[in-house]
Amino acid sequence: MTFEPVDHERFPALRLGISAGEAGGAAPAVFNAANECAVAAFLAGKIAFADIPRGISSALQKLSGMPSGSREQLLAADSAARRLVQEMFKC
């Protein structure tokens, strides 16, 4: 087995996930929700594969600063990210 460095240009969602994890707060919840919603839209044939990281990035830029001190706040960030991606891709 051979391991090579990840090509972040080919796999931008990985870079976004790493950045969200490093940022902490609501960013990981926003990343996860946006990713799940965008992947579901892709699998349903509503968006292109390349649109997935675009949706994630948009959600992170707009929502990663949301409060994250409680379970309820993280669930609110999750819901907001899902709504944003759904509205972005009209799905």
N, C-alpha and C. Protein backbone atom coordinates (compact mmCIF):
# COMPACT_ATOMS: atom_id res chain seq x y z
N MET A 1 0.84 -1.16 0.00
CA MET A 1 0.00 0.00 0.00
C MET A 1 0.90 1.24 0.00
N THR A 2 0.51 2.22 -0.78
CA THR A 2 1.28 3.46 -0.86
C THR A 2 0.39 4.63 -0.45
N PHE A 3 0.92 5.48 0.41
CA PHE A 3 0.18 6.66 0.83
C PHE A 3 0.84 7.89 0.24
N GLU A 4 0.02 8.79 -0.26
CA GLU A 4 0.51 10.03 -0.84
C GLU A 4 -0.20 11.19 -0.16
N PRO A 5 0.40 12.37 -0.21
CA PRO A 5 -0.28 13.54 0.38
C PRO A 5 -1.62 13.78 -0.33
N VAL A 6 -2.58 14.27 0.42
CA VAL A 6 -3.89 14.57 -0.14
C VAL A 6 -3.78 15.78 -1.06
N ASP A 7 -4.42 15.69 -2.19
CA ASP A 7 -4.49 16.80 -3.13
C ASP A 7 -5.72 17.63 -2.75
N HIS A 8 -5.51 18.70 -2.00
CA HIS A 8 -6.62 19.51 -1.51
C HIS A 8 -7.33 20.27 -2.63
N GLU A 9 -6.68 20.43 -3.76
CA GLU A 9 -7.35 21.05 -4.91
C GLU A 9 -8.40 20.10 -5.49
N ARG A 10 -8.10 18.82 -5.51
CA ARG A 10 -9.04 17.82 -6.03
C ARG A 10 -10.11 17.47 -5.01
N PHE A 11 -9.79 17.63 -3.73
CA PHE A 11 -10.71 17.25 -2.65
C PHE A 11 -10.90 18.42 -1.68
N PRO A 12 -11.53 19.50 -2.14
CA PRO A 12 -11.65 20.69 -1.30
C PRO A 12 -12.50 20.50 -0.05
N ALA A 13 -13.42 19.56 -0.06
CA ALA A 13 -14.25 19.35 1.12
C ALA A 13 -13.41 18.85 2.29
N LEU A 14 -12.37 18.10 2.03
CA LEU A 14 -11.50 17.63 3.10
C LEU A 14 -10.81 18.81 3.77
N ARG A 15 -10.33 19.75 2.96
CA ARG A 15 -9.69 20.95 3.51
C ARG A 15 -10.69 21.73 4.36
N LEU A 16 -11.93 21.84 3.89
CA LEU A 16 -12.96 22.55 4.64
C LEU A 16 -13.26 21.86 5.97
N GLY A 17 -13.29 20.54 5.95
CA GLY A 17 -13.53 19.78 7.18
C GLY A 17 -12.41 19.95 8.19
N ILE A 18 -11.18 19.92 7.71
CA ILE A 18 -10.03 20.13 8.61
C ILE A 18 -10.09 21.53 9.21
N SER A 19 -10.37 22.51 8.39
CA SER A 19 -10.46 23.90 8.87
C SER A 19 -11.58 24.06 9.89
N ALA A 20 -12.72 23.42 9.65
CA ALA A 20 -13.84 23.49 10.59
C ALA A 20 -13.45 22.86 11.93
N GLY A 21 -12.78 21.73 11.87
CA GLY A 21 -12.33 21.08 13.10
C GLY A 21 -11.35 21.94 13.88
N GLU A 22 -10.45 22.57 13.16
CA GLU A 22 -9.48 23.45 13.81
C GLU A 22 -10.15 24.68 14.40
N ALA A 23 -11.16 25.20 13.73
CA ALA A 23 -11.86 26.40 14.21
C ALA A 23 -12.67 26.11 15.47
N GLY A 24 -13.24 24.91 15.53
CA GLY A 24 -14.05 24.55 16.69
C GLY A 24 -15.36 25.32 16.72
N GLY A 25 -15.92 25.43 17.90
CA GLY A 25 -17.20 26.11 18.05
C GLY A 25 -18.29 25.43 17.25
N ALA A 26 -19.08 26.22 16.55
CA ALA A 26 -20.18 25.67 15.74
C ALA A 26 -19.70 25.17 14.39
N ALA A 27 -18.48 25.51 13.99
CA ALA A 27 -18.00 25.17 12.64
C ALA A 27 -18.10 23.68 12.31
N PRO A 28 -17.70 22.76 13.20
CA PRO A 28 -17.84 21.34 12.83
C PRO A 28 -19.30 20.92 12.61
N ALA A 29 -20.22 21.45 13.41
CA ALA A 29 -21.64 21.11 13.23
C ALA A 29 -22.15 21.69 11.91
N VAL A 30 -21.74 22.91 11.59
CA VAL A 30 -22.14 23.53 10.33
C VAL A 30 -21.58 22.74 9.16
N PHE A 31 -20.29 22.37 9.24
CA PHE A 31 -19.68 21.58 8.18
C PHE A 31 -20.46 20.28 7.96
N ASN A 32 -20.72 19.55 9.03
CA ASN A 32 -21.38 18.26 8.91
C ASN A 32 -22.77 18.39 8.30
N ALA A 33 -23.54 19.34 8.79
CA ALA A 33 -24.91 19.51 8.28
C ALA A 33 -24.91 19.94 6.82
N ALA A 34 -24.05 20.89 6.48
CA ALA A 34 -23.98 21.36 5.09
C ALA A 34 -23.53 20.23 4.17
N ASN A 35 -22.56 19.46 4.61
CA ASN A 35 -22.07 18.33 3.81
C ASN A 35 -23.18 17.30 3.60
N GLU A 36 -23.87 16.92 4.67
CA GLU A 36 -24.95 15.93 4.53
C GLU A 36 -26.02 16.42 3.57
N CYS A 37 -26.40 17.67 3.69
CA CYS A 37 -27.46 18.22 2.84
C CYS A 37 -27.00 18.30 1.38
N ALA A 38 -25.78 18.77 1.16
CA ALA A 38 -25.26 18.88 -0.21
C ALA A 38 -25.09 17.50 -0.85
N VAL A 39 -24.60 16.53 -0.09
CA VAL A 39 -24.44 15.17 -0.63
C VAL A 39 -25.80 14.58 -0.98
N ALA A 40 -26.80 14.81 -0.14
CA ALA A 40 -28.14 14.31 -0.44
C ALA A 40 -28.67 14.93 -1.73
N ALA A 41 -28.42 16.22 -1.92
CA ALA A 41 -28.85 16.89 -3.15
C ALA A 41 -28.13 16.31 -4.36
N PHE A 42 -26.84 16.02 -4.20
CA PHE A 42 -26.07 15.41 -5.29
C PHE A 42 -26.62 14.02 -5.62
N LEU A 43 -26.86 13.21 -4.61
CA LEU A 43 -27.35 11.86 -4.83
C LEU A 43 -28.75 11.85 -5.46
N ALA A 44 -29.51 12.92 -5.19
CA ALA A 44 -30.84 13.04 -5.78
C ALA A 44 -30.79 13.63 -7.19
N GLY A 45 -29.59 13.94 -7.67
CA GLY A 45 -29.43 14.46 -9.01
C GLY A 45 -29.76 15.94 -9.15
N LYS A 46 -29.80 16.66 -8.03
CA LYS A 46 -30.19 18.06 -8.06
C LYS A 46 -29.00 19.01 -8.23
N ILE A 47 -27.80 18.57 -7.87
CA ILE A 47 -26.60 19.40 -8.01
C ILE A 47 -25.46 18.54 -8.55
N ALA A 48 -24.43 19.19 -9.04
CA ALA A 48 -23.23 18.48 -9.51
C ALA A 48 -22.32 18.17 -8.32
N PHE A 49 -21.47 17.19 -8.50
CA PHE A 49 -20.52 16.80 -7.45
C PHE A 49 -19.68 17.99 -7.00
N ALA A 50 -19.25 18.81 -7.94
CA ALA A 50 -18.41 19.96 -7.64
C ALA A 50 -19.14 21.03 -6.83
N ASP A 51 -20.47 20.97 -6.78
CA ASP A 51 -21.23 21.93 -5.99
C ASP A 51 -21.19 21.63 -4.49
N ILE A 52 -20.85 20.42 -4.12
CA ILE A 52 -20.84 20.03 -2.70
C ILE A 52 -19.92 20.95 -1.89
N PRO A 53 -18.64 21.09 -2.24
CA PRO A 53 -17.79 21.97 -1.43
C PRO A 53 -18.22 23.44 -1.49
N ARG A 54 -18.84 23.85 -2.57
CA ARG A 54 -19.32 25.23 -2.66
C ARG A 54 -20.41 25.48 -1.61
N GLY A 55 -21.30 24.52 -1.44
CA GLY A 55 -22.35 24.64 -0.42
C GLY A 55 -21.78 24.63 0.99
N ILE A 56 -20.82 23.75 1.22
CA ILE A 56 -20.18 23.68 2.53
C ILE A 56 -19.47 24.98 2.85
N SER A 57 -18.71 25.48 1.89
CA SER A 57 -17.95 26.71 2.09
C SER A 57 -18.88 27.88 2.40
N SER A 58 -19.97 27.99 1.68
CA SER A 58 -20.91 29.07 1.91
C SER A 58 -21.49 29.00 3.32
N ALA A 59 -21.87 27.81 3.74
CA ALA A 59 -22.42 27.63 5.09
C ALA A 59 -21.39 28.00 6.15
N LEU A 60 -20.16 27.55 5.96
CA LEU A 60 -19.12 27.87 6.94
C LEU A 60 -18.86 29.36 7.02
N GLN A 61 -18.82 30.02 5.88
CA GLN A 61 -18.56 31.46 5.87
C GLN A 61 -19.66 32.23 6.60
N LYS A 62 -20.89 31.80 6.44
CA LYS A 62 -22.01 32.55 7.01
C LYS A 62 -22.40 32.13 8.42
N LEU A 63 -22.10 30.88 8.80
CA LEU A 63 -22.68 30.36 10.04
C LEU A 63 -21.70 29.84 11.08
N SER A 64 -20.43 29.71 10.75
CA SER A 64 -19.52 29.05 11.69
C SER A 64 -19.33 29.83 12.98
N GLY A 65 -19.69 31.10 13.00
CA GLY A 65 -19.57 31.89 14.21
C GLY A 65 -20.78 31.83 15.12
N MET A 66 -21.74 30.98 14.79
CA MET A 66 -22.94 30.86 15.63
C MET A 66 -22.56 30.36 17.02
N PRO A 67 -23.37 30.68 18.02
CA PRO A 67 -23.09 30.19 19.37
C PRO A 67 -23.04 28.67 19.40
N SER A 68 -22.20 28.14 20.27
CA SER A 68 -22.03 26.68 20.32
C SER A 68 -21.86 26.16 21.75
N GLY A 69 -22.34 26.90 22.71
CA GLY A 69 -22.12 26.52 24.11
C GLY A 69 -23.06 25.47 24.65
N SER A 70 -24.09 25.14 23.89
CA SER A 70 -25.04 24.14 24.38
C SER A 70 -25.49 23.25 23.24
N ARG A 71 -26.13 22.17 23.61
CA ARG A 71 -26.66 21.24 22.61
C ARG A 71 -27.68 21.95 21.72
N GLU A 72 -28.53 22.77 22.32
CA GLU A 72 -29.55 23.48 21.57
C GLU A 72 -28.92 24.44 20.56
N GLN A 73 -27.85 25.11 20.95
CA GLN A 73 -27.18 26.03 20.04
C GLN A 73 -26.54 25.28 18.86
N LEU A 74 -25.96 24.12 19.14
CA LEU A 74 -25.37 23.33 18.06
C LEU A 74 -26.45 22.79 17.12
N LEU A 75 -27.58 22.40 17.67
CA LEU A 75 -28.69 21.95 16.82
C LEU A 75 -29.22 23.11 15.97
N ALA A 76 -29.23 24.32 16.53
CA ALA A 76 -29.65 25.49 15.76
C ALA A 76 -28.67 25.76 14.61
N ALA A 77 -27.37 25.60 14.87
CA ALA A 77 -26.37 25.78 13.81
C ALA A 77 -26.55 24.72 12.73
N ASP A 78 -26.82 23.48 13.14
CA ASP A 78 -27.08 22.39 12.20
C ASP A 78 -28.28 22.73 11.32
N SER A 79 -29.38 23.15 11.93
CA SER A 79 -30.58 23.48 11.17
C SER A 79 -30.35 24.65 10.22
N ALA A 80 -29.64 25.66 10.69
CA ALA A 80 -29.37 26.83 9.85
C ALA A 80 -28.53 26.44 8.64
N ALA A 81 -27.55 25.57 8.83
CA ALA A 81 -26.70 25.13 7.72
C ALA A 81 -27.51 24.34 6.70
N ARG A 82 -28.38 23.47 7.18
CA ARG A 82 -29.22 22.69 6.26
C ARG A 82 -30.14 23.61 5.45
N ARG A 83 -30.75 24.59 6.12
CA ARG A 83 -31.62 25.54 5.42
C ARG A 83 -30.85 26.33 4.38
N LEU A 84 -29.66 26.80 4.75
CA LEU A 84 -28.86 27.59 3.83
C LEU A 84 -28.53 26.80 2.57
N VAL A 85 -28.09 25.56 2.73
CA VAL A 85 -27.74 24.74 1.57
C VAL A 85 -28.98 24.42 0.74
N GLN A 86 -30.08 24.12 1.39
CA GLN A 86 -31.32 23.85 0.64
C GLN A 86 -31.75 25.08 -0.16
N GLU A 87 -31.67 26.25 0.44
CA GLU A 87 -32.04 27.48 -0.27
C GLU A 87 -31.05 27.79 -1.38
N MET A 88 -29.78 27.56 -1.12
CA MET A 88 -28.73 27.84 -2.12
C MET A 88 -28.96 27.03 -3.38
N PHE A 89 -29.30 25.76 -3.22
CA PHE A 89 -29.46 24.87 -4.37
C PHE A 89 -30.92 24.64 -4.75
N LYS A 90 -31.82 25.35 -4.10
CA LYS A 90 -33.26 25.26 -4.41
C LYS A 90 -33.75 23.82 -4.38
N CYS A 91 -33.39 23.11 -3.29
CA CYS A 91 -33.84 21.72 -3.19
C CYS A 91 -34.53 21.44 -1.86
